[in-house]
């Protein structure tokens, strides 16, 4: 998978995780469980992929973020 596609897939999964946590915090609703509750292994896979996506984005954030790379360039001058 190319870097752009990997980044976009990770970004979408992190957004899914964030929305799921928001729904859980506000309404005690686990959207992943609601959608995939009948397939616990698939739901667990989604949680693992969301976690790995968060780690990936954390590790590559500075390289892909236009704001961080801009401020990093300015601070080097």
PDB file of N, CA and C in Angstrom:
ATOM      1  N   UNK A   1       0.853  -1.180   0.000  1.00  0.00           N
ATOM      2  CA  UNK A   1       0.000   0.000   0.000  1.00  0.00           C
ATOM      3  C   UNK A   1       0.896   1.239   0.000  1.00  0.00           C
ATOM      4  N   UNK A   2       0.538   2.185  -0.821  1.00  0.00           N
ATOM      5  CA  UNK A   2       1.307   3.414  -0.914  1.00  0.00           C
ATOM      6  C   UNK A   2       1.147   4.238   0.352  1.00  0.00           C
ATOM      7  N   UNK A   3       2.057   5.146   0.574  1.00  0.00           N
ATOM      8  CA  UNK A   3       2.049   5.960   1.788  1.00  0.00           C
ATOM      9  C   UNK A   3       0.769   6.779   1.917  1.00  0.00           C
ATOM     10  N   UNK A   4       0.291   7.364   0.818  1.00  0.00           N
ATOM     11  CA  UNK A   4      -0.923   8.190   0.875  1.00  0.00           C
ATOM     12  C   UNK A   4      -2.134   7.340   1.251  1.00  0.00           C
ATOM     13  N   UNK A   5      -2.251   6.161   0.657  1.00  0.00           N
ATOM     14  CA  UNK A   5      -3.380   5.291   0.955  1.00  0.00           C
ATOM     15  C   UNK A   5      -3.330   4.794   2.392  1.00  0.00           C
ATOM     16  N   UNK A   6      -2.135   4.462   2.864  1.00  0.00           N
ATOM     17  CA  UNK A   6      -1.969   4.024   4.246  1.00  0.00           C
ATOM     18  C   UNK A   6      -2.347   5.144   5.210  1.00  0.00           C
ATOM     19  N   UNK A   7      -1.905   6.348   4.903  1.00  0.00           N
ATOM     20  CA  UNK A   7      -2.228   7.507   5.742  1.00  0.00           C
ATOM     21  C   UNK A   7      -3.735   7.739   5.781  1.00  0.00           C
ATOM     22  N   UNK A   8      -4.394   7.684   4.640  1.00  0.00           N
ATOM     23  CA  UNK A   8      -5.837   7.934   4.592  1.00  0.00           C
ATOM     24  C   UNK A   8      -6.606   6.837   5.323  1.00  0.00           C
ATOM     25  N   UNK A   9      -6.198   5.589   5.159  1.00  0.00           N
ATOM     26  CA  UNK A   9      -6.874   4.489   5.863  1.00  0.00           C
ATOM     27  C   UNK A   9      -6.708   4.651   7.367  1.00  0.00           C
ATOM     28  N   UNK A  10      -5.502   5.004   7.802  1.00  0.00           N
ATOM     29  CA  UNK A  10      -5.252   5.212   9.228  1.00  0.00           C
ATOM     30  C   UNK A  10      -6.064   6.393   9.742  1.00  0.00           C
ATOM     31  N   UNK A  11      -6.138   7.452   8.963  1.00  0.00           N
ATOM     32  CA  UNK A  11      -6.901   8.639   9.361  1.00  0.00           C
ATOM     33  C   UNK A  11      -8.377   8.295   9.545  1.00  0.00           C
ATOM     34  N   UNK A  12      -8.954   7.567   8.596  1.00  0.00           N
ATOM     35  CA  UNK A  12     -10.368   7.182   8.691  1.00  0.00           C
ATOM     36  C   UNK A  12     -10.601   6.321   9.928  1.00  0.00           C
ATOM     37  N   UNK A  13      -9.712   5.376  10.191  1.00  0.00           N
ATOM     38  CA  UNK A  13      -9.870   4.513  11.362  1.00  0.00           C
ATOM     39  C   UNK A  13      -9.753   5.302  12.665  1.00  0.00           C
ATOM     40  N   UNK A  14      -8.880   6.281  12.707  1.00  0.00           N
ATOM     41  CA  UNK A  14      -8.755   7.104  13.910  1.00  0.00           C
ATOM     42  C   UNK A  14     -10.021   7.947  14.108  1.00  0.00           C
ATOM     43  N   UNK A  15     -10.601   8.446  13.039  1.00  0.00           N
ATOM     44  CA  UNK A  15     -11.857   9.190  13.145  1.00  0.00           C
ATOM     45  C   UNK A  15     -12.968   8.268  13.646  1.00  0.00           C
ATOM     46  N   UNK A  16     -13.038   7.047  13.128  1.00  0.00           N
ATOM     47  CA  UNK A  16     -14.026   6.068  13.606  1.00  0.00           C
ATOM     48  C   UNK A  16     -13.845   5.848  15.111  1.00  0.00           C
ATOM     49  N   UNK A  17     -12.593   5.689  15.544  1.00  0.00           N
ATOM     50  CA  UNK A  17     -12.315   5.500  16.963  1.00  0.00           C
ATOM     51  C   UNK A  17     -12.723   6.703  17.793  1.00  0.00           C
ATOM     52  N   UNK A  18     -12.446   7.899  17.284  1.00  0.00           N
ATOM     53  CA  UNK A  18     -12.798   9.113  18.022  1.00  0.00           C
ATOM     54  C   UNK A  18     -14.316   9.268  18.140  1.00  0.00           C
ATOM     55  N   UNK A  19     -15.027   9.016  17.060  1.00  0.00           N
ATOM     56  CA  UNK A  19     -16.492   9.102  17.104  1.00  0.00           C
ATOM     57  C   UNK A  19     -17.034   8.050  18.065  1.00  0.00           C
ATOM     58  N   UNK A  20     -16.479   6.844  18.014  1.00  0.00           N
ATOM     59  CA  UNK A  20     -16.929   5.780  18.917  1.00  0.00           C
ATOM     60  C   UNK A  20     -16.710   6.172  20.379  1.00  0.00           C
ATOM     61  N   UNK A  21     -15.546   6.735  20.706  1.00  0.00           N
ATOM     62  CA  UNK A  21     -15.281   7.166  22.084  1.00  0.00           C
ATOM     63  C   UNK A  21     -16.219   8.304  22.480  1.00  0.00           C
ATOM     64  N   UNK A  22     -16.494   9.228  21.562  1.00  0.00           N
ATOM     65  CA  UNK A  22     -17.415  10.319  21.864  1.00  0.00           C
ATOM     66  C   UNK A  22     -18.818   9.821  22.154  1.00  0.00           C
ATOM     67  N   UNK A  23     -19.291   8.875  21.339  1.00  0.00           N
ATOM     68  CA  UNK A  23     -20.614   8.299  21.571  1.00  0.00           C
ATOM     69  C   UNK A  23     -20.652   7.524  22.881  1.00  0.00           C
ATOM     70  N   UNK A  24     -19.575   6.835  23.177  1.00  0.00           N
ATOM     71  CA  UNK A  24     -19.526   6.072  24.424  1.00  0.00           C
ATOM     72  C   UNK A  24     -19.541   7.027  25.621  1.00  0.00           C
ATOM     73  N   UNK A  25     -18.790   8.112  25.527  1.00  0.00           N
ATOM     74  CA  UNK A  25     -18.749   9.072  26.624  1.00  0.00           C
ATOM     75  C   UNK A  25     -20.056   9.811  26.830  1.00  0.00           C
ATOM     76  N   UNK A  26     -20.715  10.173  25.746  1.00  0.00           N
ATOM     77  CA  UNK A  26     -21.957  10.934  25.841  1.00  0.00           C
ATOM     78  C   UNK A  26     -23.185  10.071  26.146  1.00  0.00           C
ATOM     79  N   UNK A  27     -23.256   8.918  25.481  1.00  0.00           N
ATOM     80  CA  UNK A  27     -24.484   8.126  25.546  1.00  0.00           C
ATOM     81  C   UNK A  27     -24.270   6.687  26.003  1.00  0.00           C
ATOM     82  N   UNK A  28     -23.042   6.353  26.396  1.00  0.00           N
ATOM     83  CA  UNK A  28     -22.704   4.974  26.774  1.00  0.00           C
ATOM     84  C   UNK A  28     -23.052   4.015  25.629  1.00  0.00           C
ATOM     85  N   UNK A  29     -22.795   4.451  24.399  1.00  0.00           N
ATOM     86  CA  UNK A  29     -23.100   3.683  23.201  1.00  0.00           C
ATOM     87  C   UNK A  29     -21.804   3.309  22.500  1.00  0.00           C
ATOM     88  N   UNK A  30     -21.572   2.018  22.358  1.00  0.00           N
ATOM     89  CA  UNK A  30     -20.399   1.517  21.637  1.00  0.00           C
ATOM     90  C   UNK A  30     -20.839   1.200  20.214  1.00  0.00           C
ATOM     91  N   UNK A  31     -20.559   2.107  19.284  1.00  0.00           N
ATOM     92  CA  UNK A  31     -21.018   1.972  17.914  1.00  0.00           C
ATOM     93  C   UNK A  31     -20.427   0.741  17.230  1.00  0.00           C
ATOM     94  N   UNK A  32     -19.173   0.450  17.494  1.00  0.00           N
ATOM     95  CA  UNK A  32     -18.549  -0.741  16.902  1.00  0.00           C
ATOM     96  C   UNK A  32     -19.296  -1.993  17.366  1.00  0.00           C
ATOM     97  N   UNK A  33     -19.634  -2.044  18.635  1.00  0.00           N
ATOM     98  CA  UNK A  33     -20.370  -3.194  19.155  1.00  0.00           C
ATOM     99  C   UNK A  33     -21.776  -3.266  18.558  1.00  0.00           C
ATOM    100  N   UNK A  34     -22.407  -2.112  18.385  1.00  0.00           N
ATOM    101  CA  UNK A  34     -23.745  -2.089  17.784  1.00  0.00           C
ATOM    102  C   UNK A  34     -23.681  -2.623  16.349  1.00  0.00           C
ATOM    103  N   UNK A  35     -22.680  -2.176  15.588  1.00  0.00           N
ATOM    104  CA  UNK A  35     -22.584  -2.577  14.187  1.00  0.00           C
ATOM    105  C   UNK A  35     -22.030  -3.984  14.005  1.00  0.00           C
ATOM    106  N   UNK A  36     -21.099  -4.392  14.865  1.00  0.00           N
ATOM    107  CA  UNK A  36     -20.406  -5.669  14.682  1.00  0.00           C
ATOM    108  C   UNK A  36     -20.557  -6.609  15.870  1.00  0.00           C
ATOM    109  N   UNK A  37     -21.524  -6.347  16.720  1.00  0.00           N
ATOM    110  CA  UNK A  37     -21.709  -7.154  17.924  1.00  0.00           C
ATOM    111  C   UNK A  37     -21.900  -8.631  17.651  1.00  0.00           C
ATOM    112  N   UNK A  38     -22.470  -8.960  16.504  1.00  0.00           N
ATOM    113  CA  UNK A  38     -22.668 -10.356  16.139  1.00  0.00           C
ATOM    114  C   UNK A  38     -21.380 -11.058  15.734  1.00  0.00           C
ATOM    115  N   UNK A  39     -20.352 -10.286  15.460  1.00  0.00           N
ATOM    116  CA  UNK A  39     -19.050 -10.814  15.056  1.00  0.00           C
ATOM    117  C   UNK A  39     -17.964 -10.267  15.977  1.00  0.00           C
ATOM    118  N   UNK A  40     -17.837 -10.847  17.157  1.00  0.00           N
ATOM    119  CA  UNK A  40     -16.895 -10.289  18.133  1.00  0.00           C
ATOM    120  C   UNK A  40     -15.441 -10.271  17.650  1.00  0.00           C
ATOM    121  N   UNK A  41     -15.039 -11.238  16.844  1.00  0.00           N
ATOM    122  CA  UNK A  41     -13.662 -11.222  16.339  1.00  0.00           C
ATOM    123  C   UNK A  41     -13.451 -10.070  15.366  1.00  0.00           C
ATOM    124  N   UNK A  42     -14.456  -9.773  14.560  1.00  0.00           N
ATOM    125  CA  UNK A  42     -14.358  -8.645  13.637  1.00  0.00           C
ATOM    126  C   UNK A  42     -14.344  -7.321  14.400  1.00  0.00           C
ATOM    127  N   UNK A  43     -15.170  -7.216  15.439  1.00  0.00           N
ATOM    128  CA  UNK A  43     -15.168  -6.007  16.267  1.00  0.00           C
ATOM    129  C   UNK A  43     -13.809  -5.826  16.933  1.00  0.00           C
ATOM    130  N   UNK A  44     -13.243  -6.907  17.428  1.00  0.00           N
ATOM    131  CA  UNK A  44     -11.918  -6.827  18.053  1.00  0.00           C
ATOM    132  C   UNK A  44     -10.863  -6.399  17.036  1.00  0.00           C
ATOM    133  N   UNK A  45     -10.969  -6.900  15.808  1.00  0.00           N
ATOM    134  CA  UNK A  45     -10.045  -6.505  14.748  1.00  0.00           C
ATOM    135  C   UNK A  45     -10.152  -5.008  14.473  1.00  0.00           C
ATOM    136  N   UNK A  46     -11.370  -4.466  14.466  1.00  0.00           N
ATOM    137  CA  UNK A  46     -11.557  -3.026  14.257  1.00  0.00           C
ATOM    138  C   UNK A  46     -10.858  -2.244  15.371  1.00  0.00           C
ATOM    139  N   UNK A  47     -11.025  -2.680  16.619  1.00  0.00           N
ATOM    140  CA  UNK A  47     -10.361  -1.997  17.740  1.00  0.00           C
ATOM    141  C   UNK A  47      -8.843  -2.045  17.593  1.00  0.00           C
ATOM    142  N   UNK A  48      -8.313  -3.189  17.198  1.00  0.00           N
ATOM    143  CA  UNK A  48      -6.857  -3.324  17.012  1.00  0.00           C
ATOM    144  C   UNK A  48      -6.392  -2.413  15.886  1.00  0.00           C
ATOM    145  N   UNK A  49      -7.124  -2.381  14.777  1.00  0.00           N
ATOM    146  CA  UNK A  49      -6.740  -1.526  13.650  1.00  0.00           C
ATOM    147  C   UNK A  49      -6.821  -0.046  14.013  1.00  0.00           C
ATOM    148  N   UNK A  50      -7.816   0.344  14.797  1.00  0.00           N
ATOM    149  CA  UNK A  50      -7.920   1.736  15.249  1.00  0.00           C
ATOM    150  C   UNK A  50      -6.707   2.085  16.115  1.00  0.00           C
ATOM    151  N   UNK A  51      -6.338   1.185  17.020  1.00  0.00           N
ATOM    152  CA  UNK A  51      -5.175   1.423  17.871  1.00  0.00           C
ATOM    153  C   UNK A  51      -3.888   1.519  17.081  1.00  0.00           C
ATOM    154  N   UNK A  52      -3.683   0.597  16.143  1.00  0.00           N
ATOM    155  CA  UNK A  52      -2.490   0.638  15.304  1.00  0.00           C
ATOM    156  C   UNK A  52      -2.463   1.890  14.438  1.00  0.00           C
ATOM    157  N   UNK A  53      -3.619   2.326  13.979  1.00  0.00           N
ATOM    158  CA  UNK A  53      -3.696   3.549  13.184  1.00  0.00           C
ATOM    159  C   UNK A  53      -3.293   4.765  14.012  1.00  0.00           C
ATOM    160  N   UNK A  54      -3.724   4.794  15.258  1.00  0.00           N
ATOM    161  CA  UNK A  54      -3.329   5.889  16.141  1.00  0.00           C
ATOM    162  C   UNK A  54      -1.827   5.929  16.357  1.00  0.00           C
ATOM    163  N   UNK A  55      -1.230   4.768  16.553  1.00  0.00           N
ATOM    164  CA  UNK A  55       0.230   4.697  16.733  1.00  0.00           C
ATOM    165  C   UNK A  55       0.933   5.140  15.453  1.00  0.00           C
ATOM    166  N   UNK A  56       0.428   4.679  14.310  1.00  0.00           N
ATOM    167  CA  UNK A  56       1.025   5.053  13.022  1.00  0.00           C
ATOM    168  C   UNK A  56       0.960   6.572  12.807  1.00  0.00           C
ATOM    169  N   UNK A  57      -0.209   7.155  13.043  1.00  0.00           N
ATOM    170  CA  UNK A  57      -0.340   8.601  12.846  1.00  0.00           C
ATOM    171  C   UNK A  57       0.507   9.387  13.839  1.00  0.00           C
ATOM    172  N   UNK A  58       0.608   8.890  15.055  1.00  0.00           N
ATOM    173  CA  UNK A  58       1.464   9.547  16.043  1.00  0.00           C
ATOM    174  C   UNK A  58       2.919   9.527  15.579  1.00  0.00           C
ATOM    175  N   UNK A  59       3.354   8.392  15.054  1.00  0.00           N
ATOM    176  CA  UNK A  59       4.753   8.241  14.634  1.00  0.00           C
ATOM    177  C   UNK A  59       5.075   9.039  13.375  1.00  0.00           C
ATOM    178  N   UNK A  60       4.092   9.229  12.499  1.00  0.00           N
ATOM    179  CA  UNK A  60       4.362   9.895  11.224  1.00  0.00           C
ATOM    180  C   UNK A  60       3.778  11.308  11.147  1.00  0.00           C
ATOM    181  N   UNK A  61       3.193  11.773  12.215  1.00  0.00           N
ATOM    182  CA  UNK A  61       2.477  13.045  12.193  1.00  0.00           C
ATOM    183  C   UNK A  61       3.342  14.207  11.712  1.00  0.00           C
ATOM    184  N   UNK A  62       4.512  14.332  12.244  1.00  0.00           N
ATOM    185  CA  UNK A  62       5.349  15.482  11.922  1.00  0.00           C
ATOM    186  C   UNK A  62       5.725  15.518  10.438  1.00  0.00           C
ATOM    187  N   UNK A  63       5.841  14.344   9.823  1.00  0.00           N
ATOM    188  CA  UNK A  63       6.196  14.285   8.404  1.00  0.00           C
ATOM    189  C   UNK A  63       5.022  14.624   7.500  1.00  0.00           C
ATOM    190  N   UNK A  64       3.789  14.350   7.951  1.00  0.00           N
ATOM    191  CA  UNK A  64       2.629  14.509   7.080  1.00  0.00           C
ATOM    192  C   UNK A  64       1.797  15.749   7.390  1.00  0.00           C
ATOM    193  N   UNK A  65       2.007  16.367   8.529  1.00  0.00           N
ATOM    194  CA  UNK A  65       1.200  17.526   8.918  1.00  0.00           C
ATOM    195  C   UNK A  65       1.793  18.801   8.323  1.00  0.00           C
ATOM    196  N   UNK A  66       0.985  19.521   7.540  1.00  0.00           N
ATOM    197  CA  UNK A  66       1.511  20.730   6.908  1.00  0.00           C
ATOM    198  C   UNK A  66       1.809  21.816   7.940  1.00  0.00           C
ATOM    199  N   UNK A  67       1.105  21.828   9.055  1.00  0.00           N
ATOM    200  CA  UNK A  67       1.355  22.834  10.077  1.00  0.00           C
ATOM    201  C   UNK A  67       2.630  22.532  10.851  1.00  0.00           C
ATOM    202  N   UNK A  68       2.818  21.281  11.217  1.00  0.00           N
ATOM    203  CA  UNK A  68       4.019  20.921  11.970  1.00  0.00           C
ATOM    204  C   UNK A  68       5.266  21.029  11.104  1.00  0.00           C
ATOM    205  N   UNK A  69       5.171  20.603   9.856  1.00  0.00           N
ATOM    206  CA  UNK A  69       6.341  20.694   8.987  1.00  0.00           C
ATOM    207  C   UNK A  69       6.653  22.148   8.659  1.00  0.00           C
ATOM    208  N   UNK A  70       5.629  23.013   8.578  1.00  0.00           N
ATOM    209  CA  UNK A  70       5.847  24.442   8.354  1.00  0.00           C
ATOM    210  C   UNK A  70       6.547  25.079   9.543  1.00  0.00           C
ATOM    211  N   UNK A  71       6.062  24.797  10.749  1.00  0.00           N
ATOM    212  CA  UNK A  71       6.663  25.386  11.937  1.00  0.00           C
ATOM    213  C   UNK A  71       8.061  24.831  12.165  1.00  0.00           C
ATOM    214  N   UNK A  72       8.271  23.574  11.772  1.00  0.00           N
ATOM    215  CA  UNK A  72       9.605  22.996  11.914  1.00  0.00           C
ATOM    216  C   UNK A  72      10.574  23.694  10.956  1.00  0.00           C
ATOM    217  N   UNK A  73      10.110  24.018   9.748  1.00  0.00           N
ATOM    218  CA  UNK A  73      10.959  24.709   8.775  1.00  0.00           C
ATOM    219  C   UNK A  73      11.284  26.121   9.273  1.00  0.00           C
ATOM    220  N   UNK A  74      10.284  26.808   9.837  1.00  0.00           N
ATOM    221  CA  UNK A  74      10.500  28.172  10.332  1.00  0.00           C
ATOM    222  C   UNK A  74      11.441  28.202  11.513  1.00  0.00           C
ATOM    223  N   UNK A  75      11.371  27.190  12.382  1.00  0.00           N
ATOM    224  CA  UNK A  75      12.228  27.192  13.561  1.00  0.00           C
ATOM    225  C   UNK A  75      13.684  26.872  13.219  1.00  0.00           C
ATOM    226  N   UNK A  76      13.904  26.243  12.062  1.00  0.00           N
ATOM    227  CA  UNK A  76      15.273  25.929  11.633  1.00  0.00           C
ATOM    228  C   UNK A  76      15.983  27.153  11.087  1.00  0.00           C
ATOM    229  N   UNK A  77      15.213  28.161  10.660  1.00  0.00           N
ATOM    230  CA  UNK A  77      15.825  29.371  10.063  1.00  0.00           C
ATOM    231  C   UNK A  77      16.438  30.249  11.105  1.00  0.00           C
TER     232      UNK A  77
END
